[in-house]
């Protein structure tokens, strides 16, 4: 039986950073990389495609750092 893929819906997902990251809050996952037991996501800022960085996909589950989807500041405060 095939191994279950970690974070199967990661590619193309959208995220809002709780704090500005490289000057932006809204990001989309454009690439993923498996490194042994670790999964990494390449994040790209939605308003500036030149802003990109890799993050451990487990960090995206941290509610203090990230929120799934693109949220307004008002939605994040509610």
Protein backbone atom coordinates (compact mmCIF):
# COMPACT_ATOMS: atom_id res chain seq x y z
CA UNK A 1 0.00 0.00 0.00
CA UNK A 2 1.29 3.47 -0.91
CA UNK A 3 2.42 5.82 1.83
CA UNK A 4 -0.03 8.61 2.66
CA UNK A 5 1.29 12.00 1.49
CA UNK A 6 1.73 14.64 4.20
CA UNK A 7 -0.05 17.93 3.42
CA UNK A 8 -1.81 16.68 0.26
CA UNK A 9 -3.62 19.99 -0.42
CA UNK A 10 -0.61 22.24 0.18
CA UNK A 11 0.11 23.26 -3.41
CA UNK A 12 -1.99 26.26 -4.45
CA UNK A 13 -3.26 26.93 -0.92
CA UNK A 14 -3.55 30.54 0.31
CA UNK A 15 -2.38 31.83 3.68
CA UNK A 16 -2.44 35.01 5.74
CA UNK A 17 0.51 35.78 7.99
CA UNK A 18 -0.49 37.11 11.43
CA UNK A 19 2.49 39.49 11.26
CA UNK A 20 3.83 41.17 8.14
CA UNK A 21 6.39 38.93 6.48
CA UNK A 22 8.80 40.66 4.10
CA UNK A 23 6.28 43.54 4.11
CA UNK A 24 3.25 41.43 3.13
CA UNK A 25 0.53 39.32 4.75
CA UNK A 26 -1.08 37.32 1.91
CA UNK A 27 0.79 34.39 0.40
CA UNK A 28 0.18 31.41 -1.85
CA UNK A 29 2.03 28.09 -1.93
CA UNK A 30 3.56 27.65 -5.40
CA UNK A 31 5.89 24.71 -4.78
CA UNK A 32 6.50 21.94 -2.27
CA UNK A 33 9.59 19.97 -1.40
CA UNK A 34 9.93 16.73 0.56
CA UNK A 35 13.17 16.38 2.52
CA UNK A 36 13.03 13.07 4.35
CA UNK A 37 10.30 13.38 6.97
CA UNK A 38 10.01 17.16 6.45
CA UNK A 39 7.74 18.96 3.99
CA UNK A 40 8.54 22.51 2.88
CA UNK A 41 6.31 25.01 1.10
CA UNK A 42 7.53 27.79 -1.20
CA UNK A 43 5.46 30.86 -0.36
CA UNK A 44 4.96 33.79 -2.78
CA UNK A 45 3.43 37.12 -1.80
CA UNK A 46 0.17 37.68 -3.66
CA UNK A 47 0.92 41.38 -4.33
CA UNK A 48 4.62 41.03 -5.16
CA UNK A 49 5.64 37.87 -7.00
CA UNK A 50 9.33 38.63 -6.36
CA UNK A 51 8.85 38.01 -2.61
CA UNK A 52 9.24 34.27 -2.09
CA UNK A 53 10.62 32.06 0.66
CA UNK A 54 10.50 28.47 1.90
CA UNK A 55 8.79 27.53 5.17
CA UNK A 56 8.39 24.24 6.98
CA UNK A 57 4.79 23.21 6.24
CA UNK A 58 4.25 22.39 9.92
CA UNK A 59 4.63 26.11 10.66
CA UNK A 60 1.46 26.78 8.65
CA UNK A 61 -0.52 24.86 11.28
CA UNK A 62 0.65 27.28 13.98
CA UNK A 63 -2.36 29.55 14.67
CA UNK A 64 -0.08 32.20 16.17
CA UNK A 65 1.77 32.59 12.85
CA UNK A 66 -0.59 31.71 9.98
CA UNK A 67 -4.27 31.58 9.11
CA UNK A 68 -5.63 29.54 6.20
CA UNK A 69 -7.07 31.61 3.36
CA UNK A 70 -6.69 35.32 2.70
CA UNK A 71 -8.15 37.27 5.60
CA UNK A 72 -8.59 40.99 6.24
CA UNK A 73 -7.24 42.52 9.44
CA UNK A 74 -10.85 42.86 10.64
CA UNK A 75 -11.53 39.16 10.04
CA UNK A 76 -8.38 38.21 11.96
CA UNK A 77 -9.42 40.33 14.96
CA UNK A 78 -12.93 38.80 15.18
